Amino acid sequence: QVQLVESGGGLVQPGGSLSLSCAASGNTLSINVMGWYRQAPGKQRELVATVTRGDTTKYGDSVKGRFTISRDNAKNTVYLQMSNLKPEDTALYYCNAEGWGTAPDNYWGQGTQVTVSS
């Protein structure tokens, strides 16, 4: 089992920056991919960004060029640096960890709220 604890988030003005972090504990060697997804009210959960244990990254189209994901394998922590935030970035942000193989285990954090508003 893997447990994920998110931190960061909060209220920020449009154009501002914010950082999120997510620390994994438990069977961390079972984790390949770590990342972030978000869900706004009335919308489906969507990909924000992911990073593999080998540092291959993937971003959702709406955040490319504005968000940066990084990972510290020694600390079992993934980070999301968000800049030039827009009101449409407002959502509950969930940390995700995915295992290895064709049917990997999947773990979710409880979510942290990001609100972009003036």
PDB file of N, CA and C in Angstrom:
ATOM      1  N   GLN A   1       0.833  -1.203   0.000  1.00  0.00           N
ATOM      2  CA  GLN A   1       0.000   0.000   0.000  1.00  0.00           C
ATOM      3  C   GLN A   1       0.866   1.251   0.000  1.00  0.00           C
ATOM      4  N   VAL A   2       0.324   2.302  -0.581  1.00  0.00           N
ATOM      5  CA  VAL A   2       1.000   3.593  -0.640  1.00  0.00           C
ATOM      6  C   VAL A   2       0.057   4.650  -0.103  1.00  0.00           C
ATOM      7  N   GLN A   3       0.601   5.548   0.701  1.00  0.00           N
ATOM      8  CA  GLN A   3      -0.171   6.681   1.188  1.00  0.00           C
ATOM      9  C   GLN A   3       0.423   7.957   0.591  1.00  0.00           C
ATOM     10  N   LEU A   4      -0.442   8.879   0.229  1.00  0.00           N
ATOM     11  CA  LEU A   4      -0.034  10.138  -0.381  1.00  0.00           C
ATOM     12  C   LEU A   4      -0.564  11.299   0.443  1.00  0.00           C
ATOM     13  N   VAL A   5       0.318  12.227   0.772  1.00  0.00           N
ATOM     14  CA  VAL A   5      -0.072  13.406   1.549  1.00  0.00           C
ATOM     15  C   VAL A   5       0.316  14.649   0.768  1.00  0.00           C
ATOM     16  N   GLU A   6      -0.681  15.435   0.412  1.00  0.00           N
ATOM     17  CA  GLU A   6      -0.464  16.647  -0.368  1.00  0.00           C
ATOM     18  C   GLU A   6      -0.304  17.848   0.557  1.00  0.00           C
ATOM     19  N   SER A   7       0.417  18.840   0.093  1.00  0.00           N
ATOM     20  CA  SER A   7       0.515  20.115   0.797  1.00  0.00           C
ATOM     21  C   SER A   7       0.646  21.210  -0.248  1.00  0.00           C
ATOM     22  N   GLY A   8       0.392  22.426   0.201  1.00  0.00           N
ATOM     23  CA  GLY A   8       0.370  23.561  -0.721  1.00  0.00           C
ATOM     24  C   GLY A   8      -1.061  23.889  -1.078  1.00  0.00           C
ATOM     25  N   GLY A   9      -1.245  24.611  -2.122  1.00  0.00           N
ATOM     26  CA  GLY A   9      -2.572  25.020  -2.494  1.00  0.00           C
ATOM     27  C   GLY A   9      -2.970  26.287  -1.758  1.00  0.00           C
ATOM     28  N   GLY A  10      -4.177  26.771  -2.087  1.00  0.00           N
ATOM     29  CA  GLY A  10      -4.665  27.982  -1.458  1.00  0.00           C
ATOM     30  C   GLY A  10      -5.246  28.934  -2.479  1.00  0.00           C
ATOM     31  N   LEU A  11      -5.307  30.191  -2.072  1.00  0.00           N
ATOM     32  CA  LEU A  11      -5.890  31.236  -2.910  1.00  0.00           C
ATOM     33  C   LEU A  11      -4.774  32.086  -3.512  1.00  0.00           C
ATOM     34  N   VAL A  12      -4.859  32.347  -4.792  1.00  0.00           N
ATOM     35  CA  VAL A  12      -3.860  33.159  -5.480  1.00  0.00           C
ATOM     36  C   VAL A  12      -4.551  34.013  -6.529  1.00  0.00           C
ATOM     37  N   GLN A  13      -3.991  35.157  -6.806  1.00  0.00           N
ATOM     38  CA  GLN A  13      -4.562  36.037  -7.817  1.00  0.00           C
ATOM     39  C   GLN A  13      -4.183  35.562  -9.221  1.00  0.00           C
ATOM     40  N   PRO A  14      -4.981  35.909 -10.205  1.00  0.00           N
ATOM     41  CA  PRO A  14      -4.615  35.567 -11.593  1.00  0.00           C
ATOM     42  C   PRO A  14      -3.233  36.111 -11.939  1.00  0.00           C
ATOM     43  N   GLY A  15      -2.458  35.285 -12.633  1.00  0.00           N
ATOM     44  CA  GLY A  15      -1.089  35.655 -12.974  1.00  0.00           C
ATOM     45  C   GLY A  15      -0.084  35.270 -11.918  1.00  0.00           C
ATOM     46  N   GLY A  16      -0.560  34.827 -10.768  1.00  0.00           N
ATOM     47  CA  GLY A  16       0.327  34.468  -9.671  1.00  0.00           C
ATOM     48  C   GLY A  16       0.871  33.060  -9.789  1.00  0.00           C
ATOM     49  N   SER A  17       1.640  32.675  -8.763  1.00  0.00           N
ATOM     50  CA  SER A  17       2.284  31.362  -8.733  1.00  0.00           C
ATOM     51  C   SER A  17       1.948  30.641  -7.443  1.00  0.00           C
ATOM     52  N   LEU A  18       2.040  29.331  -7.514  1.00  0.00           N
ATOM     53  CA  LEU A  18       1.747  28.489  -6.360  1.00  0.00           C
ATOM     54  C   LEU A  18       2.460  27.163  -6.541  1.00  0.00           C
ATOM     55  N   SER A  19       2.834  26.548  -5.425  1.00  0.00           N
ATOM     56  CA  SER A  19       3.506  25.251  -5.492  1.00  0.00           C
ATOM     57  C   SER A  19       2.737  24.218  -4.693  1.00  0.00           C
ATOM     58  N   LEU A  20       2.709  23.018  -5.215  1.00  0.00           N
ATOM     59  CA  LEU A  20       2.131  21.876  -4.518  1.00  0.00           C
ATOM     60  C   LEU A  20       3.213  20.822  -4.327  1.00  0.00           C
ATOM     61  N   SER A  21       3.073  20.061  -3.261  1.00  0.00           N
ATOM     62  CA  SER A  21       3.963  18.918  -3.069  1.00  0.00           C
ATOM     63  C   SER A  21       3.151  17.733  -2.569  1.00  0.00           C
ATOM     64  N   CYS A  22       3.677  16.549  -2.831  1.00  0.00           N
ATOM     65  CA  CYS A  22       2.986  15.326  -2.439  1.00  0.00           C
ATOM     66  C   CYS A  22       4.039  14.314  -2.021  1.00  0.00           C
ATOM     67  N   ALA A  23       3.950  13.884  -0.775  1.00  0.00           N
ATOM     68  CA  ALA A  23       4.902  12.917  -0.237  1.00  0.00           C
ATOM     69  C   ALA A  23       4.261  11.548  -0.160  1.00  0.00           C
ATOM     70  N   ALA A  24       4.964  10.562  -0.668  1.00  0.00           N
ATOM     71  CA  ALA A  24       4.480   9.188  -0.619  1.00  0.00           C
ATOM     72  C   ALA A  24       5.153   8.428   0.509  1.00  0.00           C
ATOM     73  N   SER A  25       4.406   7.531   1.110  1.00  0.00           N
ATOM     74  CA  SER A  25       4.960   6.658   2.137  1.00  0.00           C
ATOM     75  C   SER A  25       4.383   5.265   1.948  1.00  0.00           C
ATOM     76  N   GLY A  26       4.956   4.307   2.668  1.00  0.00           N
ATOM     77  CA  GLY A  26       4.522   2.926   2.508  1.00  0.00           C
ATOM     78  C   GLY A  26       5.424   2.202   1.528  1.00  0.00           C
ATOM     79  N   ASN A  27       4.849   1.431   0.642  1.00  0.00           N
ATOM     80  CA  ASN A  27       5.609   0.638  -0.313  1.00  0.00           C
ATOM     81  C   ASN A  27       6.018   1.501  -1.513  1.00  0.00           C
ATOM     82  N   THR A  28       6.919   2.444  -1.272  1.00  0.00           N
ATOM     83  CA  THR A  28       7.249   3.429  -2.310  1.00  0.00           C
ATOM     84  C   THR A  28       8.033   2.836  -3.472  1.00  0.00           C
ATOM     85  N   LEU A  29       8.696   1.719  -3.260  1.00  0.00           N
ATOM     86  CA  LEU A  29       9.418   1.094  -4.371  1.00  0.00           C
ATOM     87  C   LEU A  29       8.472   0.558  -5.433  1.00  0.00           C
ATOM     88  N   SER A  30       7.198   0.431  -5.086  1.00  0.00           N
ATOM     89  CA  SER A  30       6.206  -0.057  -6.043  1.00  0.00           C
ATOM     90  C   SER A  30       5.705   1.032  -6.975  1.00  0.00           C
ATOM     91  N   ILE A  31       6.164   2.274  -6.750  1.00  0.00           N
ATOM     92  CA  ILE A  31       5.680   3.412  -7.538  1.00  0.00           C
ATOM     93  C   ILE A  31       6.560   3.641  -8.758  1.00  0.00           C
ATOM     94  N   ASN A  32       5.933   3.767  -9.920  1.00  0.00           N
ATOM     95  CA  ASN A  32       6.639   4.187 -11.131  1.00  0.00           C
ATOM     96  C   ASN A  32       6.315   5.650 -11.439  1.00  0.00           C
ATOM     97  N   VAL A  33       5.056   5.916 -11.655  1.00  0.00           N
ATOM     98  CA  VAL A  33       4.637   7.252 -12.073  1.00  0.00           C
ATOM     99  C   VAL A  33       4.000   7.998 -10.897  1.00  0.00           C
ATOM    100  N   MET A  34       4.352   9.249 -10.758  1.00  0.00           N
ATOM    101  CA  MET A  34       3.668  10.130  -9.811  1.00  0.00           C
ATOM    102  C   MET A  34       3.194  11.347 -10.573  1.00  0.00           C
ATOM    103  N   GLY A  35       2.103  11.923 -10.112  1.00  0.00           N
ATOM    104  CA  GLY A  35       1.607  13.071 -10.840  1.00  0.00           C
ATOM    105  C   GLY A  35       0.439  13.750 -10.178  1.00  0.00           C
ATOM    106  N   TRP A  36      -0.134  14.653 -10.932  1.00  0.00           N
ATOM    107  CA  TRP A  36      -1.236  15.476 -10.445  1.00  0.00           C
ATOM    108  C   TRP A  36      -2.379  15.452 -11.455  1.00  0.00           C
ATOM    109  N   TYR A  37      -3.574  15.386 -10.916  1.00  0.00           N
ATOM    110  CA  TYR A  37      -4.807  15.513 -11.685  1.00  0.00           C
ATOM    111  C   TYR A  37      -5.644  16.566 -10.974  1.00  0.00           C
ATOM    112  N   ARG A  38      -6.612  17.109 -11.659  1.00  0.00           N
ATOM    113  CA  ARG A  38      -7.474  18.105 -11.030  1.00  0.00           C
ATOM    114  C   ARG A  38      -8.922  17.909 -11.472  1.00  0.00           C
ATOM    115  N   GLN A  39      -9.796  18.399 -10.610  1.00  0.00           N
ATOM    116  CA  GLN A  39     -11.221  18.312 -10.909  1.00  0.00           C
ATOM    117  C   GLN A  39     -11.908  19.582 -10.452  1.00  0.00           C
ATOM    118  N   ALA A  40     -12.512  20.269 -11.403  1.00  0.00           N
ATOM    119  CA  ALA A  40     -13.284  21.465 -11.110  1.00  0.00           C
ATOM    120  C   ALA A  40     -14.745  21.064 -10.928  1.00  0.00           C
ATOM    121  N   PRO A  41     -15.522  21.871 -10.215  1.00  0.00           N
ATOM    122  CA  PRO A  41     -16.932  21.541  -9.998  1.00  0.00           C
ATOM    123  C   PRO A  41     -17.667  21.316 -11.317  1.00  0.00           C
ATOM    124  N   GLY A  42     -18.374  20.220 -11.406  1.00  0.00           N
ATOM    125  CA  GLY A  42     -19.151  19.918 -12.591  1.00  0.00           C
ATOM    126  C   GLY A  42     -18.357  19.394 -13.757  1.00  0.00           C
ATOM    127  N   LYS A  43     -17.070  19.162 -13.562  1.00  0.00           N
ATOM    128  CA  LYS A  43     -16.224  18.678 -14.655  1.00  0.00           C
ATOM    129  C   LYS A  43     -15.571  17.357 -14.270  1.00  0.00           C
ATOM    130  N   GLN A  44     -15.073  16.665 -15.295  1.00  0.00           N
ATOM    131  CA  GLN A  44     -14.375  15.411 -15.046  1.00  0.00           C
ATOM    132  C   GLN A  44     -12.956  15.682 -14.574  1.00  0.00           C
ATOM    133  N   ARG A  45     -12.407  14.700 -13.861  1.00  0.00           N
ATOM    134  CA  ARG A  45     -11.016  14.805 -13.440  1.00  0.00           C
ATOM    135  C   ARG A  45     -10.133  14.767 -14.681  1.00  0.00           C
ATOM    136  N   GLU A  46      -9.109  15.631 -14.716  1.00  0.00           N
ATOM    137  CA  GLU A  46      -8.253  15.705 -15.885  1.00  0.00           C
ATOM    138  C   GLU A  46      -6.783  15.681 -15.491  1.00  0.00           C
ATOM    139  N   LEU A  47      -5.976  15.251 -16.430  1.00  0.00           N
ATOM    140  CA  LEU A  47      -4.540  15.210 -16.225  1.00  0.00           C
ATOM    141  C   LEU A  47      -3.967  16.613 -16.116  1.00  0.00           C
ATOM    142  N   VAL A  48      -3.110  16.818 -15.118  1.00  0.00           N
ATOM    143  CA  VAL A  48      -2.316  18.037 -15.040  1.00  0.00           C
ATOM    144  C   VAL A  48      -0.893  17.724 -15.524  1.00  0.00           C
ATOM    145  N   ALA A  49      -0.241  16.814 -14.825  1.00  0.00           N
ATOM    146  CA  ALA A  49       1.125  16.443 -15.202  1.00  0.00           C
ATOM    147  C   ALA A  49       1.523  15.164 -14.484  1.00  0.00           C
ATOM    148  N   THR A  50       2.378  14.391 -15.138  1.00  0.00           N
ATOM    149  CA  THR A  50       2.934  13.202 -14.514  1.00  0.00           C
ATOM    150  C   THR A  50       4.427  13.125 -14.788  1.00  0.00           C
ATOM    151  N   VAL A  51       5.119  12.367 -13.936  1.00  0.00           N
ATOM    152  CA  VAL A  51       6.558  12.153 -14.113  1.00  0.00           C
ATOM    153  C   VAL A  51       6.879  10.730 -13.689  1.00  0.00           C
ATOM    154  N   THR A  52       7.653  10.044 -14.528  1.00  0.00           N
ATOM    155  CA  THR A  52       8.028   8.670 -14.207  1.00  0.00           C
ATOM    156  C   THR A  52       9.237   8.657 -13.276  1.00  0.00           C
ATOM    157  N   ARG A  53       9.546   7.479 -12.777  1.00  0.00           N
ATOM    158  CA  ARG A  53      10.730   7.339 -11.923  1.00  0.00           C
ATOM    159  C   ARG A  53      11.990   7.728 -12.697  1.00  0.00           C
ATOM    160  N   GLY A  54      11.950   7.571 -14.012  1.00  0.00           N
ATOM    161  CA  GLY A  54      13.086   7.964 -14.845  1.00  0.00           C
ATOM    162  C   GLY A  54      13.010   9.396 -15.339  1.00  0.00           C
ATOM    163  N   ASP A  55      12.094  10.190 -14.788  1.00  0.00           N
ATOM    164  CA  ASP A  55      11.975  11.625 -15.080  1.00  0.00           C
ATOM    165  C   ASP A  55      11.381  11.957 -16.436  1.00  0.00           C
ATOM    166  N   THR A  56      10.651  11.051 -17.030  1.00  0.00           N
ATOM    167  CA  THR A  56       9.894  11.384 -18.234  1.00  0.00           C
ATOM    168  C   THR A  56       8.602  12.069 -17.811  1.00  0.00           C
ATOM    169  N   THR A  57       8.342  13.231 -18.385  1.00  0.00           N
ATOM    170  CA  THR A  57       7.189  14.022 -17.972  1.00  0.00           C
ATOM    171  C   THR A  57       6.119  14.073 -19.064  1.00  0.00           C
ATOM    172  N   LYS A  58       4.910  14.318 -18.607  1.00  0.00           N
ATOM    173  CA  LYS A  58       3.781  14.514 -19.517  1.00  0.00           C
ATOM    174  C   LYS A  58       2.899  15.589 -18.910  1.00  0.00           C
ATOM    175  N   TYR A  59       2.370  16.484 -19.761  1.00  0.00           N
ATOM    176  CA  TYR A  59       1.541  17.588 -19.284  1.00  0.00           C
ATOM    177  C   TYR A  59       0.210  17.622 -20.014  1.00  0.00           C
ATOM    178  N   GLY A  60      -0.819  18.064 -19.310  1.00  0.00           N
ATOM    179  CA  GLY A  60      -2.071  18.359 -19.967  1.00  0.00           C
ATOM    180  C   GLY A  60      -1.908  19.585 -20.851  1.00  0.00           C
ATOM    181  N   ASP A  61      -2.656  19.637 -21.947  1.00  0.00           N
ATOM    182  CA  ASP A  61      -2.493  20.727 -22.904  1.00  0.00           C
ATOM    183  C   ASP A  61      -2.727  22.100 -22.280  1.00  0.00           C
ATOM    184  N   SER A  62      -3.639  22.172 -21.342  1.00  0.00           N
ATOM    185  CA  SER A  62      -4.011  23.471 -20.781  1.00  0.00           C
ATOM    186  C   SER A  62      -2.960  24.055 -19.841  1.00  0.00           C
ATOM    187  N   VAL A  63      -1.989  23.251 -19.428  1.00  0.00           N
ATOM    188  CA  VAL A  63      -0.985  23.748 -18.479  1.00  0.00           C
ATOM    189  C   VAL A  63       0.417  23.782 -19.069  1.00  0.00           C
ATOM    190  N   LYS A  64       0.585  23.309 -20.277  1.00  0.00           N
ATOM    191  CA  LYS A  64       1.914  23.289 -20.896  1.00  0.00           C
ATOM    192  C   LYS A  64       2.491  24.698 -20.952  1.00  0.00           C
ATOM    193  N   GLY A  65       3.746  24.807 -20.554  1.00  0.00           N
ATOM    194  CA  GLY A  65       4.417  26.098 -20.566  1.00  0.00           C
ATOM    195  C   GLY A  65       4.184  26.938 -19.330  1.00  0.00           C
ATOM    196  N   ARG A  66       3.248  26.518 -18.473  1.00  0.00           N
ATOM    197  CA  ARG A  66       2.960  27.284 -17.255  1.00  0.00           C
ATOM    198  C   ARG A  66       3.266  26.483 -15.991  1.00  0.00           C
ATOM    199  N   PHE A  67       3.082  25.190 -16.048  1.00  0.00           N
ATOM    200  CA  PHE A  67       3.311  24.326 -14.886  1.00  0.00           C
ATOM    201  C   PHE A  67       4.551  23.471 -15.124  1.00  0.00           C
ATOM    202  N   THR A  68       5.245  23.182 -14.031  1.00  0.00           N
ATOM    203  CA  THR A  68       6.411  22.310 -14.100  1.00  0.00           C
ATOM    204  C   THR A  68       6.320  21.254 -13.012  1.00  0.00           C
ATOM    205  N   ILE A  69       6.444  19.992 -13.418  1.00  0.00           N
ATOM    206  CA  ILE A  69       6.437  18.900 -12.451  1.00  0.00           C
ATOM    207  C   ILE A  69       7.860  18.414 -12.249  1.00  0.00           C
ATOM    208  N   SER A  70       8.163  18.053 -11.012  1.00  0.00           N
ATOM    209  CA  SER A  70       9.471  17.496 -10.710  1.00  0.00           C
ATOM    210  C   SER A  70       9.316  16.467  -9.604  1.00  0.00           C
ATOM    211  N   ARG A  71      10.370  15.691  -9.419  1.00  0.00           N
ATOM    212  CA  ARG A  71      10.274  14.568  -8.492  1.00  0.00           C
ATOM    213  C   ARG A  71      11.607  14.351  -7.809  1.00  0.00           C
ATOM    214  N   ASP A  72      11.548  14.041  -6.530  1.00  0.00           N
ATOM    215  CA  ASP A  72      12.734  13.684  -5.758  1.00  0.00           C
ATOM    216  C   ASP A  72      12.539  12.244  -5.298  1.00  0.00           C
ATOM    217  N   ASN A  73      13.173  11.316  -5.970  1.00  0.00           N
ATOM    218  CA  ASN A  73      12.963   9.902  -5.645  1.00  0.00           C
ATOM    219  C   ASN A  73      13.485   9.545  -4.251  1.00  0.00           C
ATOM    220  N   ALA A  74      14.528  10.239  -3.826  1.00  0.00           N
ATOM    221  CA  ALA A  74      15.078   9.960  -2.493  1.00  0.00           C
ATOM    222  C   ALA A  74      14.088  10.334  -1.391  1.00  0.00           C
ATOM    223  N   LYS A  75      13.295  11.356  -1.649  1.00  0.00           N
ATOM    224  CA  LYS A  75      12.300  11.810  -0.664  1.00  0.00           C
ATOM    225  C   LYS A  75      10.902  11.283  -0.983  1.00  0.00           C
ATOM    226  N   ASN A  76      10.773  10.527  -2.075  1.00  0.00           N
ATOM    227  CA  ASN A  76       9.461  10.003  -2.500  1.00  0.00           C
ATOM    228  C   ASN A  76       8.433  11.125  -2.600  1.00  0.00           C
ATOM    229  N   THR A  77       8.849  12.223  -3.171  1.00  0.00           N
ATOM    230  CA  THR A  77       8.000  13.413  -3.235  1.00  0.00           C
ATOM    231  C   THR A  77       7.935  13.939  -4.662  1.00  0.00           C
ATOM    232  N   VAL A  78       6.747  14.370  -5.043  1.00  0.00           N
ATOM    233  CA  VAL A  78       6.556  15.004  -6.336  1.00  0.00           C
ATOM    234  C   VAL A  78       6.090  16.433  -6.105  1.00  0.00           C
ATOM    235  N   TYR A  79       6.555  17.326  -6.959  1.00  0.00           N
ATOM    236  CA  TYR A  79       6.262  18.751  -6.820  1.00  0.00           C
ATOM    237  C   TYR A  79       5.572  19.255  -8.085  1.00  0.00           C
ATOM    238  N   LEU A  80       4.753  20.278  -7.897  1.00  0.00           N
ATOM    239  CA  LEU A  80       4.134  20.939  -9.036  1.00  0.00           C
ATOM    240  C   LEU A  80       4.287  22.437  -8.836  1.00  0.00           C
ATOM    241  N   GLN A  81       5.065  23.058  -9.701  1.00  0.00           N
ATOM    242  CA  GLN A  81       5.228  24.503  -9.678  1.00  0.00           C
ATOM    243  C   GLN A  81       4.284  25.081 -10.717  1.00  0.00           C
ATOM    244  N   MET A  82       3.375  25.936 -10.260  1.00  0.00           N
ATOM    245  CA  MET A  82       2.363  26.511 -11.138  1.00  0.00           C
ATOM    246  C   MET A  82       2.601  28.007 -11.252  1.00  0.00           C
ATOM    247  N   SER A  83       2.662  28.506 -12.462  1.00  0.00           N
ATOM    248  CA  SER A  83       2.861  29.932 -12.673  1.00  0.00           C
ATOM    249  C   SER A  83       1.847  30.429 -13.687  1.00  0.00           C
ATOM    250  N   ASN A  84       1.746  31.767 -13.745  1.00  0.00           N
ATOM    251  CA  ASN A  84       0.771  32.397 -14.634  1.00  0.00           C
ATOM    252  C   ASN A  84      -0.607  31.744 -14.488  1.00  0.00           C
ATOM    253  N   LEU A  85      -1.031  31.625 -13.247  1.00  0.00           N
ATOM    254  CA  LEU A  85      -2.288  30.930 -12.968  1.00  0.00           C
ATOM    255  C   LEU A  85      -3.481  31.715 -13.493  1.00  0.00           C
ATOM    256  N   LYS A  86      -4.482  30.970 -13.944  1.00  0.00           N
ATOM    257  CA  LYS A  86      -5.689  31.549 -14.519  1.00  0.00           C
ATOM    258  C   LYS A  86      -6.901  31.090 -13.691  1.00  0.00           C
ATOM    259  N   PRO A  87      -7.984  31.838 -13.735  1.00  0.00           N
ATOM    260  CA  PRO A  87      -9.187  31.411 -12.989  1.00  0.00           C
ATOM    261  C   PRO A  87      -9.627  29.988 -13.366  1.00  0.00           C
ATOM    262  N   GLU A  88      -9.406  29.598 -14.603  1.00  0.00           N
ATOM    263  CA  GLU A  88      -9.810  28.257 -15.024  1.00  0.00           C
ATOM    264  C   GLU A  88      -8.920  27.160 -14.448  1.00  0.00           C
ATOM    265  N   ASP A  89      -7.854  27.530 -13.764  1.00  0.00           N
ATOM    266  CA  ASP A  89      -7.034  26.545 -13.058  1.00  0.00           C
ATOM    267  C   ASP A  89      -7.631  26.192 -11.691  1.00  0.00           C
ATOM    268  N   THR A  90      -8.661  26.905 -11.298  1.00  0.00           N
ATOM    269  CA  THR A  90      -9.309  26.629 -10.022  1.00  0.00           C
ATOM    270  C   THR A  90      -9.891  25.220 -10.020  1.00  0.00           C
ATOM    271  N   ALA A  91      -9.485  24.431  -9.037  1.00  0.00           N
ATOM    272  CA  ALA A  91      -9.924  23.040  -8.968  1.00  0.00           C
ATOM    273  C   ALA A  91      -9.378  22.404  -7.705  1.00  0.00           C
ATOM    274  N   LEU A  92      -9.855  21.198  -7.445  1.00  0.00           N
ATOM    275  CA  LEU A  92      -9.266  20.358  -6.414  1.00  0.00           C
ATOM    276  C   LEU A  92      -8.175  19.535  -7.101  1.00  0.00           C
ATOM    277  N   TYR A  93      -6.964  19.658  -6.597  1.00  0.00           N
ATOM    278  CA  TYR A  93      -5.812  19.000  -7.208  1.00  0.00           C
ATOM    279  C   TYR A  93      -5.487  17.729  -6.424  1.00  0.00           C
ATOM    280  N   TYR A  94      -5.411  16.619  -7.143  1.00  0.00           N
ATOM    281  CA  TYR A  94      -5.174  15.311  -6.521  1.00  0.00           C
ATOM    282  C   TYR A  94      -3.792  14.786  -6.919  1.00  0.00           C
ATOM    283  N   CYS A  95      -3.074  14.295  -5.944  1.00  0.00           N
ATOM    284  CA  CYS A  95      -1.830  13.586  -6.206  1.00  0.00           C
ATOM    285  C   CYS A  95      -2.147  12.134  -6.551  1.00  0.00           C
ATOM    286  N   ASN A  96      -1.384  11.593  -7.486  1.00  0.00           N
ATOM    287  CA  ASN A  96      -1.597  10.216  -7.930  1.00  0.00           C
ATOM    288  C   ASN A  96      -0.271   9.474  -7.987  1.00  0.00           C
ATOM    289  N   ALA A  97      -0.297   8.223  -7.612  1.00  0.00           N
ATOM    290  CA  ALA A  97       0.874   7.354  -7.762  1.00  0.00           C
ATOM    291  C   ALA A  97       0.438   6.077  -8.448  1.00  0.00           C
ATOM    292  N   GLU A  98       1.235   5.655  -9.412  1.00  0.00           N
ATOM    293  CA  GLU A  98       0.897   4.482 -10.215  1.00  0.00           C
ATOM    294  C   GLU A  98       2.061   3.509 -10.185  1.00  0.00           C
ATOM    295  N   GLY A  99       1.737   2.218 -10.098  1.00  0.00           N
ATOM    296  CA  GLY A  99       2.762   1.195 -10.029  1.00  0.00           C
ATOM    297  C   GLY A  99       3.270   0.798 -11.399  1.00  0.00           C
ATOM    298  N   TRP A 100       3.866  -0.382 -11.439  1.00  0.00           N
ATOM    299  CA  TRP A 100       4.493  -0.906 -12.639  1.00  0.00           C
ATOM    300  C   TRP A 100       3.579  -1.905 -13.339  1.00  0.00           C
ATOM    301  N   GLY A 101       3.872  -2.180 -14.599  1.00  0.00           N
ATOM    302  CA  GLY A 101       3.201  -3.257 -15.321  1.00  0.00           C
ATOM    303  C   GLY A 101       2.002  -2.804 -16.113  1.00  0.00           C
ATOM    304  N   THR A 102       1.315  -3.773 -16.665  1.00  0.00           N
ATOM    305  CA  THR A 102       0.192  -3.496 -17.566  1.00  0.00           C
ATOM    306  C   THR A 102      -1.105  -3.196 -16.822  1.00  0.00           C
ATOM    307  N   ALA A 103      -1.189  -3.615 -15.601  1.00  0.00           N
ATOM    308  CA  ALA A 103      -2.376  -3.303 -14.777  1.00  0.00           C
ATOM    309  C   ALA A 103      -1.899  -2.759 -13.436  1.00  0.00           C
ATOM    310  N   PRO A 104      -1.316  -1.566 -13.453  1.00  0.00           N
ATOM    311  CA  PRO A 104      -0.661  -1.062 -12.237  1.00  0.00           C
ATOM    312  C   PRO A 104      -1.641  -0.673 -11.142  1.00  0.00           C
ATOM    313  N   ASP A 105      -1.174  -0.791  -9.919  1.00  0.00           N
ATOM    314  CA  ASP A 105      -1.928  -0.256  -8.800  1.00  0.00           C
ATOM    315  C   ASP A 105      -1.974   1.258  -8.919  1.00  0.00           C
ATOM    316  N   ASN A 106      -3.033   1.824  -8.388  1.00  0.00           N
ATOM    317  CA  ASN A 106      -3.240   3.267  -8.469  1.00  0.00           C
ATOM    318  C   ASN A 106      -3.629   3.802  -7.110  1.00  0.00           C
ATOM    319  N   TYR A 107      -2.985   4.886  -6.702  1.00  0.00           N
ATOM    320  CA  TYR A 107      -3.267   5.473  -5.397  1.00  0.00           C
ATOM    321  C   TYR A 107      -3.545   6.963  -5.574  1.00  0.00           C
ATOM    322  N   TRP A 108      -4.421   7.473  -4.710  1.00  0.00           N
ATOM    323  CA  TRP A 108      -4.810   8.878  -4.772  1.00  0.00           C
ATOM    324  C   TRP A 108      -4.662   9.540  -3.415  1.00  0.00           C
ATOM    325  N   GLY A 109      -4.270  10.810  -3.450  1.00  0.00           N
ATOM    326  CA  GLY A 109      -4.314  11.621  -2.251  1.00  0.00           C
ATOM    327  C   GLY A 109      -5.716  12.154  -2.042  1.00  0.00           C
ATOM    328  N   GLN A 110      -5.894  12.909  -0.971  1.00  0.00           N
ATOM    329  CA  GLN A 110      -7.236  13.407  -0.635  1.00  0.00           C
ATOM    330  C   GLN A 110      -7.572  14.694  -1.368  1.00  0.00           C
ATOM    331  N   GLY A 111      -6.589  15.326  -1.976  1.00  0.00           N
ATOM    332  CA  GLY A 111      -6.842  16.529  -2.743  1.00  0.00           C
ATOM    333  C   GLY A 111      -6.527  17.796  -1.962  1.00  0.00           C
ATOM    334  N   THR A 112      -6.089  18.803  -2.698  1.00  0.00           N
ATOM    335  CA  THR A 112      -5.836  20.112  -2.114  1.00  0.00           C
ATOM    336  C   THR A 112      -6.430  21.163  -3.045  1.00  0.00           C
ATOM    337  N   GLN A 113      -7.080  22.144  -2.465  1.00  0.00           N
ATOM    338  CA  GLN A 113      -7.809  23.127  -3.259  1.00  0.00           C
ATOM    339  C   GLN A 113      -6.886  24.234  -3.746  1.00  0.00           C
ATOM    340  N   VAL A 114      -7.013  24.548  -5.023  1.00  0.00           N
ATOM    341  CA  VAL A 114      -6.344  25.705  -5.612  1.00  0.00           C
ATOM    342  C   VAL A 114      -7.436  26.618  -6.168  1.00  0.00           C
ATOM    343  N   THR A 115      -7.426  27.856  -5.701  1.00  0.00           N
ATOM    344  CA  THR A 115      -8.409  28.834  -6.159  1.00  0.00           C
ATOM    345  C   THR A 115      -7.689  30.040  -6.726  1.00  0.00           C
ATOM    346  N   VAL A 116      -8.003  30.370  -7.971  1.00  0.00           N
ATOM    347  CA  VAL A 116      -7.392  31.517  -8.634  1.00  0.00           C
ATOM    348  C   VAL A 116      -8.477  32.573  -8.825  1.00  0.00           C
ATOM    349  N   SER A 117      -8.344  33.645  -8.088  1.00  0.00           N
ATOM    350  CA  SER A 117      -9.388  34.669  -8.101  1.00  0.00           C
ATOM    351  C   SER A 117      -8.814  35.987  -7.621  1.00  0.00           C
ATOM    352  N   SER A 118      -9.354  37.071  -8.165  1.00  0.00           N
ATOM    353  CA  SER A 118      -8.956  38.393  -7.708  1.00  0.00           C
ATOM    354  C   SER A 118      -9.906  38.880  -6.620  1.00  0.00           C
TER     355      SER A 118
END
